[in-house]
Amino acid sequence: MTDTPTPPSDPDIDPTHVEAAAPAAAPTEVHDHRWAYALIAIFLLAVAFGVWGAWKAFAPAPDDPRTQLRAQQAKLDELEQRVATLTRSDQITRDANRDLQGTLAERDEEISGLRADVAFYERFVGATGQRRGLSVHELHLLPQAGQAWHFTATLTQNLNRGAVNSGRLTVSVEGTRAGKLQRLAWSDLRQEPNAAGNTYSFKYFQQVEGDLVLPAGFQPLRISVRLDPASGADVEQSFTWAEATRRTAAGA
């Protein structure tokens, strides 16, 4: 066997320097750090995949029919609520407009009545008014319960200014009953034998009111008003039943 020659020792080399050069194992530590980083990366990747998988498992799919149905139902509910709100608003507007139209119609009727009153006063009280003696200017009938009627007769005169006209008023009604003509006197209409007429007393005009009752089955055609003044001749004026009830029909 051949002996391996031992290299000569160098007296100039310090043994401490030889020991300091020993840390040649540093690459092993770097390799260990790389493994640690790799394990951390793998762990984080696993966590990310776990979160992504859980979201995919529990989150509703974009094309899920149940999700689309709920979305469409919510939209439908919203549209129905809007329609209900608009319908209610339209109804409120219609009601307000109808009330306004009714108020305007009432005001127009009041204005027409006031104008008629002014013309009436000018005719019978004014200096240029036409002179007329005792007469029945208007007659109106209003239905009451059953066969009863309420009448209002407007009496006028401006021939004798300042003079008082007084007397009694009665009415009679002509019509048919069971196919036959019939005339009902004041006592028949009042359902009182020898009933006295309604009194009146005025200088220029006065409204005399009263009630009358028609028998069952009686169809009225004409009503007459008779004035029996304290002095002077009697005055009688007739009106058709339709004419006397015209204001009632217009106000119905």
Protein backbone atom coordinates (compact mmCIF):
# COMPACT_ATOMS: atom_id res chain seq x y z
CA MET A 1 0.00 0.00 0.00
CA THR A 2 1.31 3.35 -0.94
CA ASP A 3 1.12 5.99 1.70
CA THR A 4 -0.61 9.19 0.70
CA PRO A 5 1.79 12.04 1.15
CA THR A 6 0.82 14.51 3.76
CA PRO A 7 0.99 18.04 2.54
CA PRO A 8 3.57 20.01 4.29
CA SER A 9 2.37 22.17 6.96
CA ASP A 10 2.68 25.84 6.37
CA PRO A 11 4.03 27.51 9.36
CA ASP A 12 2.56 30.83 8.20
CA ILE A 13 -1.08 29.66 8.32
CA ASP A 14 -2.91 30.48 11.56
CA PRO A 15 -5.08 27.63 12.77
CA THR A 16 -7.76 30.12 13.86
CA HIS A 17 -8.18 31.20 10.29
CA VAL A 18 -8.78 27.66 9.28
CA GLU A 19 -11.56 27.26 11.83
CA ALA A 20 -13.22 30.58 10.77
CA ALA A 21 -13.53 29.34 7.25
CA ALA A 22 -15.54 26.37 8.46
CA PRO A 23 -19.08 27.91 7.99
CA ALA A 24 -19.51 26.37 4.59
CA ALA A 25 -22.99 25.02 5.60
CA ALA A 26 -24.86 28.40 4.83
CA PRO A 27 -26.50 27.00 1.65
CA THR A 28 -28.36 24.50 3.83
CA GLU A 29 -29.97 27.32 5.86
CA VAL A 30 -31.07 29.13 2.67
CA HIS A 31 -32.60 25.90 1.45
CA ASP A 32 -34.54 25.58 4.73
CA HIS A 33 -35.97 29.12 4.35
CA ARG A 34 -37.11 28.32 0.84
CA TRP A 35 -39.05 25.33 2.11
CA ALA A 36 -40.68 27.48 4.77
CA TYR A 37 -41.74 30.05 2.18
CA ALA A 38 -43.07 27.31 -0.04
CA LEU A 39 -45.14 25.84 2.80
CA ILE A 40 -46.57 29.28 3.65
CA ALA A 41 -47.45 29.86 -0.03
CA ILE A 42 -49.13 26.47 -0.25
CA PHE A 43 -51.10 27.22 2.95
CA LEU A 44 -52.26 30.61 1.68
CA LEU A 45 -53.22 29.09 -1.65
CA ALA A 46 -55.21 26.40 0.12
CA VAL A 47 -57.01 29.01 2.20
CA ALA A 48 -57.81 31.04 -0.95
CA PHE A 49 -59.16 27.98 -2.73
CA GLY A 50 -61.25 27.15 0.35
CA VAL A 51 -62.80 30.61 0.46
CA TRP A 52 -63.46 30.54 -3.29
CA GLY A 53 -65.06 27.10 -3.01
CA ALA A 54 -67.29 28.19 -0.12
CA TRP A 55 -68.44 31.26 -2.08
CA LYS A 56 -69.20 29.14 -5.13
CA ALA A 57 -71.12 26.67 -2.95
CA PHE A 58 -73.30 29.15 -1.09
CA ALA A 59 -73.53 32.21 -3.37
CA PRO A 60 -76.52 32.13 -5.78
CA ALA A 61 -75.61 31.52 -9.36
CA PRO A 62 -76.33 34.41 -11.75
CA ASP A 63 -78.61 32.17 -13.78
CA ASP A 64 -80.39 30.66 -10.77
CA PRO A 65 -84.19 30.64 -11.57
CA ARG A 66 -85.06 31.28 -7.93
CA THR A 67 -82.91 34.38 -7.86
CA GLN A 68 -84.45 35.67 -11.08
CA LEU A 69 -87.94 34.93 -9.74
CA ARG A 70 -87.30 36.87 -6.54
CA ALA A 71 -85.86 39.79 -8.52
CA GLN A 72 -88.83 39.83 -10.88
CA GLN A 73 -91.28 39.59 -7.96
CA ALA A 74 -89.60 42.53 -6.23
CA LYS A 75 -89.79 44.56 -9.43
CA LEU A 76 -93.44 43.58 -9.89
CA ASP A 77 -94.25 44.66 -6.32
CA GLU A 78 -92.55 47.99 -6.94
CA LEU A 79 -94.52 48.55 -10.16
CA GLU A 80 -97.80 47.61 -8.46
CA GLN A 81 -97.06 50.09 -5.69
CA ARG A 82 -96.39 52.82 -8.26
CA VAL A 83 -99.62 52.02 -10.09
CA ALA A 84 -101.59 52.11 -6.82
CA THR A 85 -100.03 55.46 -5.92
CA LEU A 86 -100.75 56.96 -9.34
CA THR A 87 -104.31 55.60 -9.28
CA ARG A 88 -104.96 57.10 -5.87
CA SER A 89 -103.46 60.43 -6.98
CA ASP A 90 -105.65 60.41 -10.10
CA GLN A 91 -108.76 59.65 -8.02
CA ILE A 92 -107.95 62.50 -5.63
CA THR A 93 -107.52 64.84 -8.59
CA ARG A 94 -110.82 63.72 -10.11
CA ASP A 95 -112.65 64.18 -6.80
CA ALA A 96 -111.17 67.64 -6.34
CA ASN A 97 -112.09 68.58 -9.89
CA ARG A 98 -115.65 67.30 -9.43
CA ASP A 99 -116.00 69.25 -6.18
CA LEU A 100 -114.65 72.35 -7.90
CA GLN A 101 -117.11 71.96 -10.78
CA GLY A 102 -119.97 71.55 -8.31
CA THR A 103 -118.87 74.65 -6.40
CA LEU A 104 -118.63 76.66 -9.63
CA ALA A 105 -122.10 75.47 -10.66
CA GLU A 106 -123.49 76.52 -7.28
CA ARG A 107 -121.83 79.93 -7.60
CA ASP A 108 -123.23 80.38 -11.10
CA GLU A 109 -126.69 79.49 -9.82
CA GLU A 110 -126.33 81.96 -6.95
CA ILE A 111 -125.20 84.68 -9.36
CA SER A 112 -128.16 83.97 -11.66
CA GLY A 113 -130.51 84.12 -8.69
CA LEU A 114 -129.05 87.42 -7.52
CA ARG A 115 -129.36 88.89 -10.99
CA ALA A 116 -132.96 87.76 -11.15
CA ASP A 117 -133.60 89.34 -7.75
CA VAL A 118 -132.04 92.62 -8.86
CA ALA A 119 -134.18 92.64 -12.01
CA PHE A 120 -137.21 91.83 -9.88
CA TYR A 121 -136.58 94.70 -7.48
CA GLU A 122 -135.90 97.15 -10.30
CA ARG A 123 -139.12 96.13 -12.03
CA PHE A 124 -141.40 96.58 -9.04
CA VAL A 125 -139.61 99.15 -6.90
CA GLY A 126 -137.57 101.23 -9.33
CA ALA A 127 -138.79 104.55 -10.65
CA THR A 128 -138.86 103.24 -14.22
CA GLY A 129 -140.57 99.96 -13.37
CA GLN A 130 -143.80 99.03 -15.10
CA ARG A 131 -146.83 99.65 -12.93
CA ARG A 132 -148.84 96.53 -12.22
CA GLY A 133 -151.60 95.70 -9.83
CA LEU A 134 -151.94 92.67 -7.54
CA SER A 135 -150.64 89.52 -9.26
CA VAL A 136 -148.90 86.18 -8.72
CA HIS A 137 -145.39 86.66 -10.07
CA GLU A 138 -144.11 83.08 -9.52
CA LEU A 139 -145.27 79.76 -8.10
CA HIS A 140 -142.97 76.92 -7.12
CA LEU A 141 -143.78 73.42 -5.83
CA LEU A 142 -141.46 71.15 -3.85
CA PRO A 143 -142.28 67.48 -3.19
CA GLN A 144 -142.58 66.32 0.40
CA ALA A 145 -143.21 62.89 1.92
CA GLY A 146 -145.87 60.79 0.23
CA GLN A 147 -148.36 62.82 -1.83
CA ALA A 148 -147.64 66.09 0.01
CA TRP A 149 -146.27 69.21 -1.72
CA HIS A 150 -144.99 72.53 -0.44
CA PHE A 151 -145.84 75.61 -2.49
CA THR A 152 -144.33 79.11 -2.53
CA ALA A 153 -146.27 81.91 -4.26
CA THR A 154 -144.60 85.27 -4.90
CA LEU A 155 -147.18 88.07 -4.84
CA THR A 156 -146.38 91.50 -6.26
CA GLN A 157 -147.92 94.94 -6.88
CA ASN A 158 -146.50 98.39 -7.55
CA LEU A 159 -149.55 100.18 -8.82
CA ASN A 160 -150.42 101.79 -5.49
CA ARG A 161 -147.03 102.55 -3.97
CA GLY A 162 -147.01 102.68 -0.23
CA ALA A 163 -150.48 101.11 -0.02
CA VAL A 164 -150.80 97.85 1.90
CA ASN A 165 -152.41 94.92 0.12
CA SER A 166 -153.89 92.26 2.36
CA GLY A 167 -156.19 89.31 1.95
CA ARG A 168 -156.20 85.52 1.68
CA LEU A 169 -154.65 83.06 -0.77
CA THR A 170 -156.02 79.65 -1.82
CA VAL A 171 -154.98 77.16 -4.50
CA SER A 172 -156.78 74.50 -6.52
CA VAL A 173 -155.43 71.68 -8.68
CA GLU A 174 -156.80 70.17 -11.87
CA GLY A 175 -155.86 66.67 -13.03
CA THR A 176 -157.04 63.18 -13.81
CA ARG A 177 -157.99 60.29 -11.61
CA ALA A 178 -159.13 56.90 -12.86
CA GLY A 179 -159.19 58.35 -16.37
CA LYS A 180 -161.52 61.22 -15.46
CA LEU A 181 -160.91 64.95 -15.09
CA GLN A 182 -161.11 66.21 -11.52
CA ARG A 183 -160.66 69.55 -9.79
CA LEU A 184 -159.49 69.61 -6.18
CA ALA A 185 -160.53 72.64 -4.15
CA TRP A 186 -158.53 74.24 -1.34
CA SER A 187 -160.44 72.30 1.32
CA ASP A 188 -159.69 69.02 -0.56
CA LEU A 189 -156.01 69.82 -0.79
CA ARG A 190 -155.86 70.83 2.87
CA GLN A 191 -158.00 67.84 3.89
CA GLU A 192 -160.03 70.20 6.08
CA PRO A 193 -163.68 71.17 5.44
CA ASN A 194 -164.10 74.95 5.11
CA ALA A 195 -160.32 75.49 5.43
CA ALA A 196 -159.38 79.18 5.48
CA GLY A 197 -156.83 80.49 2.98
CA ASN A 198 -153.35 81.67 3.88
CA THR A 199 -153.18 85.35 4.75
CA TYR A 200 -150.92 87.90 3.06
CA SER A 201 -150.12 91.56 3.67
CA PHE A 202 -147.48 93.59 1.82
CA LYS A 203 -146.69 96.82 0.01
CA TYR A 204 -144.63 95.64 -2.96
CA PHE A 205 -144.11 91.88 -2.79
CA GLN A 206 -144.39 88.89 -0.46
CA GLN A 207 -143.84 85.14 -0.58
CA VAL A 208 -146.74 83.09 0.77
CA GLU A 209 -146.03 79.44 1.59
CA GLY A 210 -148.23 76.49 2.37
CA ASP A 211 -148.73 72.74 2.00
CA LEU A 212 -151.19 70.62 0.07
CA VAL A 213 -151.84 66.89 -0.22
CA LEU A 214 -152.93 65.11 -3.41
CA PRO A 215 -155.10 61.97 -3.15
CA ALA A 216 -153.61 58.63 -4.20
CA GLY A 217 -153.84 57.95 -7.93
CA PHE A 218 -154.34 61.62 -8.82
CA GLN A 219 -152.24 62.96 -11.73
CA PRO A 220 -151.94 66.80 -11.49
CA LEU A 221 -151.92 68.87 -14.66
CA ARG A 222 -152.53 72.47 -13.61
CA ILE A 223 -152.53 74.50 -10.40
CA SER A 224 -154.37 77.80 -9.88
CA VAL A 225 -153.74 80.49 -7.27
CA ARG A 226 -156.64 82.66 -6.15
CA LEU A 227 -156.17 85.94 -4.27
CA ASP A 228 -159.07 87.33 -2.30
CA PRO A 229 -157.99 90.88 -1.31
CA ALA A 230 -159.61 92.82 1.49
CA SER A 231 -160.65 95.42 -1.10
CA GLY A 232 -160.93 95.10 -4.82
CA ALA A 233 -161.66 92.26 -7.20
CA ASP A 234 -160.36 88.72 -6.81
CA VAL A 235 -157.29 87.70 -8.81
CA GLU A 236 -156.75 84.17 -10.16
CA GLN A 237 -153.73 82.91 -12.10
CA SER A 238 -152.95 79.40 -13.37
CA PHE A 239 -149.68 77.56 -13.96
CA THR A 240 -149.04 74.17 -15.47
CA TRP A 241 -147.81 71.56 -13.01
CA ALA A 242 -144.64 71.10 -15.08
CA GLU A 243 -143.97 74.84 -14.95
CA ALA A 244 -144.46 75.01 -11.18
CA THR A 245 -142.12 72.05 -10.59
CA ARG A 246 -139.48 73.07 -13.15
CA ARG A 247 -137.08 74.47 -10.56
CA THR A 248 -137.36 71.23 -8.58
CA ALA A 249 -136.40 69.18 -11.64
CA ALA A 250 -133.48 71.50 -12.44
CA GLY A 251 -132.13 71.25 -8.87
CA ALA A 252 -132.46 67.45 -8.70
